[in-house]
């Protein structure tokens, strides 16, 4: 009886993961198809919207938050900032196409002000954090040293605050 219960739970988990992957594949193909970046010199980047192009970096070496932002600045941009659900879908689809394994990656959100549990986040490109997609229970500012934000904590696209020294893949954006 226990064996059957364990098998059933494992199969249910596999079906749920398969359903999420099927949904993401459909969403990325239909809602956010690949469109090359129109900016000169950025032909291997993809268009996020009418203002930005993005590129996901998910190969060794992974970088900490500061090094990832510095790399994005060298490309003429910043770590990606996300201001609405359409941009979130574009970023998720870009990373999904690169690796469907739901790996965590840096986005440009960081803790800019903390006063007695009053947390203020900003984007590295200087824009206001007007859209947030926290994973359940986040941000938790664990051990008072989680000042940077990664995507894909428990589900695709959901965010987690994390120590900035962890090494991750990352997504850069440049203005068109």
N, C-alpha and C. Protein backbone atom coordinates (compact mmCIF):
# COMPACT_ATOMS: atom_id res chain seq x y z
N UNK A 1 0.82 -1.19 0.00
CA UNK A 1 0.00 0.00 0.00
C UNK A 1 0.87 1.26 0.00
N UNK A 2 1.89 1.30 0.87
CA UNK A 2 2.77 2.47 0.90
C UNK A 2 3.49 2.67 -0.42
N UNK A 3 3.92 1.57 -1.01
CA UNK A 3 4.61 1.65 -2.29
C UNK A 3 3.73 2.31 -3.33
N UNK A 4 2.45 1.92 -3.40
CA UNK A 4 1.52 2.51 -4.36
C UNK A 4 1.31 4.00 -4.09
N UNK A 5 1.26 4.38 -2.82
CA UNK A 5 1.11 5.78 -2.47
C UNK A 5 2.31 6.59 -2.95
N UNK A 6 3.50 6.06 -2.72
CA UNK A 6 4.73 6.75 -3.15
C UNK A 6 4.76 6.86 -4.67
N UNK A 7 4.43 5.79 -5.36
CA UNK A 7 4.41 5.81 -6.83
C UNK A 7 3.39 6.82 -7.33
N UNK A 8 2.21 6.86 -6.72
CA UNK A 8 1.16 7.80 -7.12
C UNK A 8 1.61 9.24 -6.92
N UNK A 9 2.23 9.53 -5.80
CA UNK A 9 2.72 10.88 -5.53
C UNK A 9 3.80 11.26 -6.54
N UNK A 10 4.71 10.36 -6.84
CA UNK A 10 5.78 10.65 -7.81
C UNK A 10 5.19 10.90 -9.20
N UNK A 11 4.22 10.07 -9.60
CA UNK A 11 3.59 10.27 -10.91
C UNK A 11 2.83 11.59 -10.97
N UNK A 12 2.13 11.93 -9.90
CA UNK A 12 1.41 13.20 -9.86
C UNK A 12 2.39 14.38 -9.99
N UNK A 13 3.50 14.31 -9.28
CA UNK A 13 4.52 15.35 -9.38
C UNK A 13 5.07 15.46 -10.79
N UNK A 14 5.33 14.32 -11.43
CA UNK A 14 5.84 14.32 -12.80
C UNK A 14 4.82 14.90 -13.76
N UNK A 15 3.54 14.56 -13.59
CA UNK A 15 2.49 15.10 -14.45
C UNK A 15 2.36 16.61 -14.28
N UNK A 16 2.44 17.09 -13.04
CA UNK A 16 2.35 18.52 -12.80
C UNK A 16 3.52 19.25 -13.44
N UNK A 17 4.72 18.71 -13.31
CA UNK A 17 5.90 19.33 -13.93
C UNK A 17 5.76 19.32 -15.44
N UNK A 18 5.27 18.21 -15.99
CA UNK A 18 5.07 18.11 -17.43
C UNK A 18 4.02 19.11 -17.91
N UNK A 19 2.94 19.28 -17.14
CA UNK A 19 1.90 20.24 -17.50
C UNK A 19 2.43 21.66 -17.49
N UNK A 20 3.25 21.99 -16.47
CA UNK A 20 3.82 23.33 -16.41
C UNK A 20 4.75 23.57 -17.60
N UNK A 21 5.55 22.56 -17.96
CA UNK A 21 6.46 22.71 -19.09
C UNK A 21 5.68 22.86 -20.39
N UNK A 22 4.59 22.09 -20.55
CA UNK A 22 3.76 22.21 -21.75
C UNK A 22 3.14 23.60 -21.82
N UNK A 23 2.64 24.10 -20.69
CA UNK A 23 2.05 25.43 -20.66
C UNK A 23 3.09 26.49 -21.02
N UNK A 24 4.28 26.39 -20.44
CA UNK A 24 5.34 27.37 -20.74
C UNK A 24 5.72 27.32 -22.21
N UNK A 25 5.85 26.14 -22.75
CA UNK A 25 6.20 26.01 -24.16
C UNK A 25 5.15 26.69 -25.04
N UNK A 26 3.87 26.42 -24.75
CA UNK A 26 2.78 27.04 -25.50
C UNK A 26 2.81 28.56 -25.34
N UNK A 27 2.91 29.01 -24.08
CA UNK A 27 2.90 30.44 -23.81
C UNK A 27 4.04 31.15 -24.54
N UNK A 28 5.21 30.55 -24.49
CA UNK A 28 6.37 31.19 -25.11
C UNK A 28 6.25 31.21 -26.63
N UNK A 29 5.68 30.16 -27.21
CA UNK A 29 5.51 30.12 -28.66
C UNK A 29 4.43 31.10 -29.14
N UNK A 30 3.34 31.19 -28.41
CA UNK A 30 2.19 31.98 -28.85
C UNK A 30 2.24 33.42 -28.32
N UNK A 31 2.45 33.57 -27.01
CA UNK A 31 2.37 34.88 -26.38
C UNK A 31 3.63 35.71 -26.58
N UNK A 32 4.78 35.06 -26.53
CA UNK A 32 6.04 35.80 -26.66
C UNK A 32 7.00 35.07 -27.59
N UNK A 33 6.68 35.05 -28.90
CA UNK A 33 7.58 34.38 -29.85
C UNK A 33 8.91 35.13 -29.95
N UNK A 34 9.93 34.43 -30.38
CA UNK A 34 11.26 35.03 -30.51
C UNK A 34 11.24 36.08 -31.61
N UNK A 35 11.72 37.27 -31.27
CA UNK A 35 11.88 38.35 -32.24
C UNK A 35 13.26 38.94 -32.04
N UNK A 36 14.05 38.96 -33.10
CA UNK A 36 15.42 39.45 -33.00
C UNK A 36 15.44 40.92 -32.59
N UNK A 37 16.46 41.28 -31.85
CA UNK A 37 16.63 42.66 -31.42
C UNK A 37 16.99 43.53 -32.62
N UNK A 38 16.29 44.65 -32.81
CA UNK A 38 16.59 45.52 -33.95
C UNK A 38 17.79 46.43 -33.73
N UNK A 39 18.38 46.43 -32.55
CA UNK A 39 19.50 47.32 -32.26
C UNK A 39 20.77 46.79 -32.91
N UNK A 40 21.49 47.69 -33.56
CA UNK A 40 22.73 47.30 -34.23
C UNK A 40 23.73 46.72 -33.23
N UNK A 41 24.33 45.61 -33.60
CA UNK A 41 25.31 44.95 -32.75
C UNK A 41 24.70 44.02 -31.71
N UNK A 42 23.39 43.93 -31.68
CA UNK A 42 22.70 43.08 -30.69
C UNK A 42 21.84 42.02 -31.38
N UNK A 43 22.28 41.55 -32.52
CA UNK A 43 21.48 40.61 -33.30
C UNK A 43 21.26 39.28 -32.59
N UNK A 44 22.14 38.93 -31.63
CA UNK A 44 21.94 37.67 -30.90
C UNK A 44 21.13 37.88 -29.62
N UNK A 45 20.58 39.07 -29.43
CA UNK A 45 19.67 39.37 -28.33
C UNK A 45 18.25 39.24 -28.85
N UNK A 46 17.26 39.22 -27.95
CA UNK A 46 15.86 39.14 -28.36
C UNK A 46 15.12 40.38 -27.89
N UNK A 47 14.12 40.74 -28.66
CA UNK A 47 13.32 41.91 -28.32
C UNK A 47 12.39 41.56 -27.17
N UNK A 48 12.42 42.35 -26.11
CA UNK A 48 11.53 42.16 -24.97
C UNK A 48 10.21 42.89 -25.21
N UNK A 49 10.32 44.14 -25.62
CA UNK A 49 9.16 44.98 -25.93
C UNK A 49 9.64 46.10 -26.84
N UNK A 50 8.89 47.17 -26.96
CA UNK A 50 9.27 48.26 -27.87
C UNK A 50 10.45 49.08 -27.37
N UNK A 51 10.85 48.90 -26.11
CA UNK A 51 11.92 49.71 -25.54
C UNK A 51 13.21 48.94 -25.25
N UNK A 52 13.12 47.61 -25.04
CA UNK A 52 14.27 46.86 -24.56
C UNK A 52 14.50 45.56 -25.33
N UNK A 53 15.76 45.18 -25.38
CA UNK A 53 16.18 43.86 -25.83
C UNK A 53 16.88 43.19 -24.66
N UNK A 54 16.80 41.87 -24.61
CA UNK A 54 17.40 41.14 -23.50
C UNK A 54 18.21 39.95 -24.00
N UNK A 55 19.11 39.51 -23.14
CA UNK A 55 19.88 38.30 -23.43
C UNK A 55 20.11 37.59 -22.11
N UNK A 56 19.84 36.29 -22.10
CA UNK A 56 20.06 35.46 -20.92
C UNK A 56 21.45 34.84 -21.01
N UNK A 57 22.15 34.89 -19.91
CA UNK A 57 23.48 34.30 -19.82
C UNK A 57 23.42 33.16 -18.81
N UNK A 58 23.48 31.95 -19.35
CA UNK A 58 23.43 30.80 -18.48
C UNK A 58 24.47 29.79 -18.91
N UNK A 59 25.71 30.15 -18.69
CA UNK A 59 26.81 29.23 -18.94
C UNK A 59 27.92 29.63 -17.99
N UNK A 60 28.84 28.75 -17.78
CA UNK A 60 29.94 29.05 -16.86
C UNK A 60 30.77 30.19 -17.41
N UNK A 61 31.30 31.06 -16.63
CA UNK A 61 31.12 31.05 -15.18
C UNK A 61 29.84 31.79 -14.78
N UNK A 62 29.17 31.28 -13.76
CA UNK A 62 28.08 32.02 -13.15
C UNK A 62 28.71 33.20 -12.42
N UNK A 63 27.94 34.25 -12.18
CA UNK A 63 28.47 35.45 -11.55
C UNK A 63 27.65 35.85 -10.34
N UNK A 64 28.29 36.56 -9.40
CA UNK A 64 27.52 37.14 -8.31
C UNK A 64 26.78 38.36 -8.85
N UNK A 65 25.92 38.94 -8.05
CA UNK A 65 25.07 40.02 -8.51
C UNK A 65 25.88 41.21 -9.04
N UNK A 66 26.89 41.63 -8.30
CA UNK A 66 27.69 42.79 -8.69
C UNK A 66 28.43 42.55 -10.00
N UNK A 67 29.01 41.37 -10.15
CA UNK A 67 29.73 41.04 -11.39
C UNK A 67 28.77 40.90 -12.57
N UNK A 68 27.58 40.34 -12.32
CA UNK A 68 26.58 40.23 -13.38
C UNK A 68 26.14 41.62 -13.86
N UNK A 69 25.89 42.52 -12.93
CA UNK A 69 25.51 43.89 -13.30
C UNK A 69 26.66 44.56 -14.06
N UNK A 70 27.88 44.39 -13.62
CA UNK A 70 29.04 44.98 -14.31
C UNK A 70 29.15 44.44 -15.74
N UNK A 71 28.89 43.17 -15.91
CA UNK A 71 28.92 42.57 -17.25
C UNK A 71 27.83 43.18 -18.13
N UNK A 72 26.64 43.33 -17.59
CA UNK A 72 25.54 43.95 -18.35
C UNK A 72 25.88 45.39 -18.74
N UNK A 73 26.52 46.12 -17.84
CA UNK A 73 26.94 47.50 -18.13
C UNK A 73 27.95 47.50 -19.28
N UNK A 74 28.83 46.53 -19.32
CA UNK A 74 29.79 46.43 -20.43
C UNK A 74 29.08 46.23 -21.77
N UNK A 75 27.92 45.59 -21.74
CA UNK A 75 27.12 45.41 -22.95
C UNK A 75 26.29 46.65 -23.28
N UNK A 76 26.36 47.67 -22.45
CA UNK A 76 25.59 48.89 -22.69
C UNK A 76 24.23 48.91 -22.01
N UNK A 77 24.04 48.06 -21.01
CA UNK A 77 22.75 47.99 -20.35
C UNK A 77 22.88 47.73 -18.87
N UNK A 78 21.94 46.97 -18.35
CA UNK A 78 21.88 46.61 -16.93
C UNK A 78 21.27 45.24 -16.80
N UNK A 79 21.31 44.68 -15.59
CA UNK A 79 20.49 43.51 -15.32
C UNK A 79 19.04 43.90 -15.62
N UNK A 80 18.27 42.96 -16.08
CA UNK A 80 16.91 43.25 -16.55
C UNK A 80 16.04 43.81 -15.43
N UNK A 81 15.25 44.81 -15.77
CA UNK A 81 14.20 45.31 -14.89
C UNK A 81 12.87 44.90 -15.49
N UNK A 82 11.94 44.56 -14.62
CA UNK A 82 10.65 44.03 -15.06
C UNK A 82 9.55 44.91 -14.47
N UNK A 83 8.75 45.53 -15.33
CA UNK A 83 7.75 46.49 -14.89
C UNK A 83 6.30 46.09 -15.14
N UNK A 84 6.08 44.93 -15.75
CA UNK A 84 4.70 44.48 -15.99
C UNK A 84 4.72 42.99 -16.32
N UNK A 85 3.54 42.42 -16.41
CA UNK A 85 3.43 40.98 -16.64
C UNK A 85 3.95 40.59 -18.03
N UNK A 86 3.80 41.47 -19.02
CA UNK A 86 4.29 41.16 -20.36
C UNK A 86 5.82 41.05 -20.36
N UNK A 87 6.49 41.95 -19.67
CA UNK A 87 7.94 41.85 -19.59
C UNK A 87 8.36 40.60 -18.81
N UNK A 88 7.63 40.29 -17.75
CA UNK A 88 7.94 39.08 -16.99
C UNK A 88 7.84 37.85 -17.88
N UNK A 89 6.79 37.75 -18.68
CA UNK A 89 6.63 36.61 -19.59
C UNK A 89 7.79 36.57 -20.58
N UNK A 90 8.19 37.72 -21.10
CA UNK A 90 9.31 37.75 -22.04
C UNK A 90 10.60 37.26 -21.42
N UNK A 91 10.88 37.67 -20.20
CA UNK A 91 12.10 37.24 -19.51
C UNK A 91 12.03 35.74 -19.21
N UNK A 92 10.89 35.29 -18.69
CA UNK A 92 10.73 33.86 -18.39
C UNK A 92 10.91 33.03 -19.65
N UNK A 93 10.31 33.45 -20.75
CA UNK A 93 10.42 32.69 -22.00
C UNK A 93 11.86 32.68 -22.52
N UNK A 94 12.55 33.78 -22.38
CA UNK A 94 13.94 33.82 -22.83
C UNK A 94 14.79 32.83 -22.04
N UNK A 95 14.61 32.79 -20.73
CA UNK A 95 15.37 31.83 -19.93
C UNK A 95 14.90 30.40 -20.19
N UNK A 96 13.61 30.21 -20.35
CA UNK A 96 13.06 28.87 -20.61
C UNK A 96 13.63 28.30 -21.90
N UNK A 97 13.73 29.12 -22.93
CA UNK A 97 14.27 28.64 -24.20
C UNK A 97 15.75 28.24 -24.06
N UNK A 98 16.44 28.91 -23.18
CA UNK A 98 17.86 28.60 -22.97
C UNK A 98 18.03 27.33 -22.15
N UNK A 99 17.25 27.18 -21.11
CA UNK A 99 17.32 25.99 -20.27
C UNK A 99 15.96 25.76 -19.61
N UNK A 100 15.24 24.72 -20.02
CA UNK A 100 13.91 24.46 -19.45
C UNK A 100 13.96 23.86 -18.04
N UNK A 101 15.11 23.85 -17.41
CA UNK A 101 15.26 23.23 -16.09
C UNK A 101 14.88 24.14 -14.92
N UNK A 102 14.37 25.34 -15.16
CA UNK A 102 13.98 26.30 -14.12
C UNK A 102 15.10 26.58 -13.14
N UNK A 103 16.18 27.06 -13.66
CA UNK A 103 17.32 27.44 -12.82
C UNK A 103 17.15 28.87 -12.33
N UNK A 104 17.68 29.19 -11.15
CA UNK A 104 17.59 30.58 -10.67
C UNK A 104 18.57 31.49 -11.44
N UNK A 105 18.17 32.74 -11.61
CA UNK A 105 19.03 33.70 -12.30
C UNK A 105 18.80 35.10 -11.73
N UNK A 106 19.84 35.93 -11.82
CA UNK A 106 19.75 37.29 -11.31
C UNK A 106 18.90 38.15 -12.22
N UNK A 107 18.07 38.99 -11.59
CA UNK A 107 17.43 40.11 -12.25
C UNK A 107 17.95 41.37 -11.55
N UNK A 108 17.63 42.55 -12.05
CA UNK A 108 18.26 43.77 -11.54
C UNK A 108 17.65 44.38 -10.30
N UNK A 109 16.79 43.67 -9.60
CA UNK A 109 16.17 44.21 -8.40
C UNK A 109 17.08 44.02 -7.19
N UNK A 110 17.19 45.06 -6.38
CA UNK A 110 18.04 44.98 -5.18
C UNK A 110 17.42 45.83 -4.07
N UNK A 111 17.79 45.49 -2.85
CA UNK A 111 17.31 46.21 -1.68
C UNK A 111 18.09 47.51 -1.56
N UNK A 112 17.40 48.63 -1.70
CA UNK A 112 18.08 49.93 -1.66
C UNK A 112 17.94 50.63 -0.31
N UNK A 113 16.94 50.19 0.49
CA UNK A 113 16.72 50.86 1.77
C UNK A 113 16.05 49.88 2.72
N UNK A 114 16.55 49.82 3.95
CA UNK A 114 15.97 48.93 4.96
C UNK A 114 15.98 49.68 6.29
N UNK A 115 14.80 49.92 6.82
CA UNK A 115 14.69 50.56 8.12
C UNK A 115 13.63 49.84 8.92
N UNK A 116 14.03 49.13 9.94
CA UNK A 116 13.11 48.42 10.84
C UNK A 116 12.07 47.62 10.05
N UNK A 117 12.54 46.74 9.19
CA UNK A 117 11.70 45.86 8.36
C UNK A 117 10.90 46.60 7.29
N UNK A 118 11.18 47.87 7.07
CA UNK A 118 10.59 48.59 5.94
C UNK A 118 11.60 48.47 4.80
N UNK A 119 11.29 47.61 3.83
CA UNK A 119 12.22 47.30 2.75
C UNK A 119 11.82 48.04 1.48
N UNK A 120 12.77 48.69 0.84
CA UNK A 120 12.53 49.37 -0.43
C UNK A 120 13.47 48.77 -1.47
N UNK A 121 12.89 48.38 -2.59
CA UNK A 121 13.66 47.78 -3.68
C UNK A 121 13.68 48.73 -4.87
N UNK A 122 14.78 48.72 -5.59
CA UNK A 122 14.94 49.48 -6.83
C UNK A 122 15.61 48.60 -7.87
N UNK A 123 15.59 49.08 -9.10
CA UNK A 123 16.25 48.37 -10.20
C UNK A 123 17.61 48.99 -10.47
N UNK A 124 18.54 48.19 -10.94
CA UNK A 124 19.90 48.68 -11.20
C UNK A 124 19.93 49.73 -12.31
N UNK A 125 18.90 49.76 -13.16
CA UNK A 125 18.88 50.78 -14.22
C UNK A 125 18.30 52.11 -13.74
N UNK A 126 17.98 52.19 -12.44
CA UNK A 126 17.49 53.43 -11.86
C UNK A 126 15.98 53.59 -11.92
N UNK A 127 15.27 52.65 -12.50
CA UNK A 127 13.82 52.76 -12.58
C UNK A 127 13.19 52.29 -11.28
N UNK A 128 11.94 52.70 -11.09
CA UNK A 128 11.19 52.38 -9.88
C UNK A 128 10.68 50.95 -9.91
N UNK A 129 10.68 50.32 -8.76
CA UNK A 129 10.15 48.95 -8.65
C UNK A 129 8.62 49.04 -8.54
N UNK A 130 7.96 49.12 -9.69
CA UNK A 130 6.52 49.30 -9.73
C UNK A 130 5.77 48.01 -10.02
N UNK A 131 6.48 46.91 -10.14
CA UNK A 131 5.90 45.59 -10.36
C UNK A 131 6.76 44.59 -9.60
N UNK A 132 6.13 43.75 -8.80
CA UNK A 132 6.86 42.75 -8.01
C UNK A 132 6.19 41.40 -8.16
N UNK A 133 6.99 40.35 -8.18
CA UNK A 133 6.46 39.00 -8.39
C UNK A 133 7.13 38.04 -7.39
N UNK A 134 6.97 38.32 -6.11
CA UNK A 134 7.63 37.53 -5.06
C UNK A 134 7.05 36.13 -4.96
N UNK A 135 7.90 35.19 -4.70
CA UNK A 135 7.48 33.84 -4.36
C UNK A 135 6.86 33.88 -2.97
N UNK A 136 6.06 32.89 -2.63
CA UNK A 136 5.39 32.85 -1.34
C UNK A 136 6.43 32.97 -0.22
N UNK A 137 6.17 33.87 0.75
CA UNK A 137 7.05 34.04 1.90
C UNK A 137 8.26 34.92 1.64
N UNK A 138 8.31 35.53 0.47
CA UNK A 138 9.43 36.38 0.10
C UNK A 138 8.95 37.82 -0.06
N UNK A 139 9.77 38.81 0.10
CA UNK A 139 11.16 38.70 0.58
C UNK A 139 11.18 38.45 2.09
N UNK A 140 12.17 37.69 2.52
CA UNK A 140 12.26 37.41 3.96
C UNK A 140 13.51 38.00 4.61
N UNK A 141 14.41 38.55 3.79
CA UNK A 141 15.63 39.20 4.29
C UNK A 141 16.32 38.33 5.34
N UNK A 142 16.46 37.04 5.01
CA UNK A 142 17.02 36.04 5.91
C UNK A 142 18.42 36.43 6.38
N UNK A 143 18.65 36.34 7.67
CA UNK A 143 19.95 36.69 8.29
C UNK A 143 20.38 38.13 8.00
N UNK A 144 19.45 38.98 7.64
CA UNK A 144 19.75 40.40 7.37
C UNK A 144 20.83 40.61 6.32
N UNK A 145 20.94 39.68 5.36
CA UNK A 145 21.96 39.87 4.33
C UNK A 145 21.49 39.44 2.94
N UNK A 146 20.19 39.48 2.69
CA UNK A 146 19.69 39.14 1.36
C UNK A 146 19.25 40.42 0.66
N UNK A 147 20.18 41.03 -0.04
CA UNK A 147 19.95 42.35 -0.64
C UNK A 147 19.69 42.32 -2.14
N UNK A 148 19.81 41.15 -2.76
CA UNK A 148 19.65 41.04 -4.21
C UNK A 148 18.53 40.06 -4.52
N UNK A 149 18.07 40.06 -5.78
CA UNK A 149 16.90 39.27 -6.13
C UNK A 149 17.19 38.35 -7.31
N UNK A 150 16.79 37.09 -7.13
CA UNK A 150 16.86 36.09 -8.19
C UNK A 150 15.45 35.72 -8.61
N UNK A 151 15.31 35.22 -9.83
CA UNK A 151 14.04 34.70 -10.31
C UNK A 151 14.08 33.19 -10.32
N UNK A 152 12.89 32.57 -10.29
CA UNK A 152 12.71 31.12 -10.38
C UNK A 152 12.97 30.39 -9.08
N UNK A 153 12.52 30.92 -7.97
CA UNK A 153 12.72 30.22 -6.70
C UNK A 153 11.93 28.91 -6.67
N UNK A 154 10.63 28.96 -6.57
CA UNK A 154 9.81 27.75 -6.49
C UNK A 154 9.04 27.46 -7.77
N UNK A 155 8.79 28.48 -8.54
CA UNK A 155 8.08 28.35 -9.81
C UNK A 155 8.70 29.32 -10.80
N UNK A 156 8.44 29.05 -12.08
CA UNK A 156 8.95 29.94 -13.11
C UNK A 156 8.50 31.37 -12.85
N UNK A 157 9.48 32.30 -12.86
CA UNK A 157 9.17 33.72 -12.80
C UNK A 157 8.97 34.31 -11.42
N UNK A 158 8.88 33.50 -10.38
CA UNK A 158 8.68 34.05 -9.04
C UNK A 158 10.03 34.38 -8.41
N UNK A 159 10.05 35.42 -7.59
CA UNK A 159 11.29 36.01 -7.12
C UNK A 159 11.59 35.70 -5.66
N UNK A 160 12.89 35.75 -5.36
CA UNK A 160 13.41 35.46 -4.03
C UNK A 160 14.54 36.44 -3.72
N UNK A 161 14.57 36.96 -2.49
CA UNK A 161 15.73 37.75 -2.09
C UNK A 161 16.83 36.78 -1.67
N UNK A 162 18.07 37.16 -1.97
CA UNK A 162 19.20 36.25 -1.79
C UNK A 162 20.45 37.07 -1.51
N UNK A 163 21.40 36.44 -0.84
CA UNK A 163 22.70 37.06 -0.63
C UNK A 163 23.34 37.35 -1.99
N UNK A 164 23.85 38.54 -2.17
CA UNK A 164 24.38 38.99 -3.46
C UNK A 164 25.64 38.24 -3.89
N UNK A 165 26.27 37.53 -2.99
CA UNK A 165 27.52 36.82 -3.32
C UNK A 165 27.28 35.47 -3.98
N UNK A 166 26.06 34.96 -3.97
CA UNK A 166 25.78 33.70 -4.67
C UNK A 166 26.02 33.90 -6.16
N UNK A 167 26.46 32.86 -6.82
CA UNK A 167 26.71 32.94 -8.26
C UNK A 167 25.55 32.31 -9.02
N UNK A 168 25.09 33.03 -10.02
CA UNK A 168 23.91 32.65 -10.78
C UNK A 168 24.11 33.00 -12.26
N UNK A 169 23.24 32.44 -13.10
CA UNK A 169 23.08 32.99 -14.43
C UNK A 169 22.40 34.34 -14.29
N UNK A 170 22.19 35.05 -15.38
CA UNK A 170 21.61 36.39 -15.29
C UNK A 170 21.03 36.79 -16.63
N UNK A 171 20.17 37.81 -16.59
CA UNK A 171 19.57 38.35 -17.81
C UNK A 171 19.88 39.83 -17.88
N UNK A 172 20.48 40.24 -18.99
CA UNK A 172 20.80 41.66 -19.23
C UNK A 172 19.76 42.27 -20.16
N UNK A 173 19.59 43.58 -20.04
CA UNK A 173 18.73 44.31 -20.97
C UNK A 173 19.45 45.55 -21.47
N UNK A 174 19.14 45.92 -22.70
CA UNK A 174 19.65 47.17 -23.28
C UNK A 174 18.47 47.90 -23.91
N UNK A 175 18.55 49.23 -23.89
CA UNK A 175 17.51 50.04 -24.56
C UNK A 175 17.69 49.92 -26.07
N UNK A 176 16.57 49.91 -26.76
CA UNK A 176 16.61 49.86 -28.22
C UNK A 176 16.91 51.25 -28.74
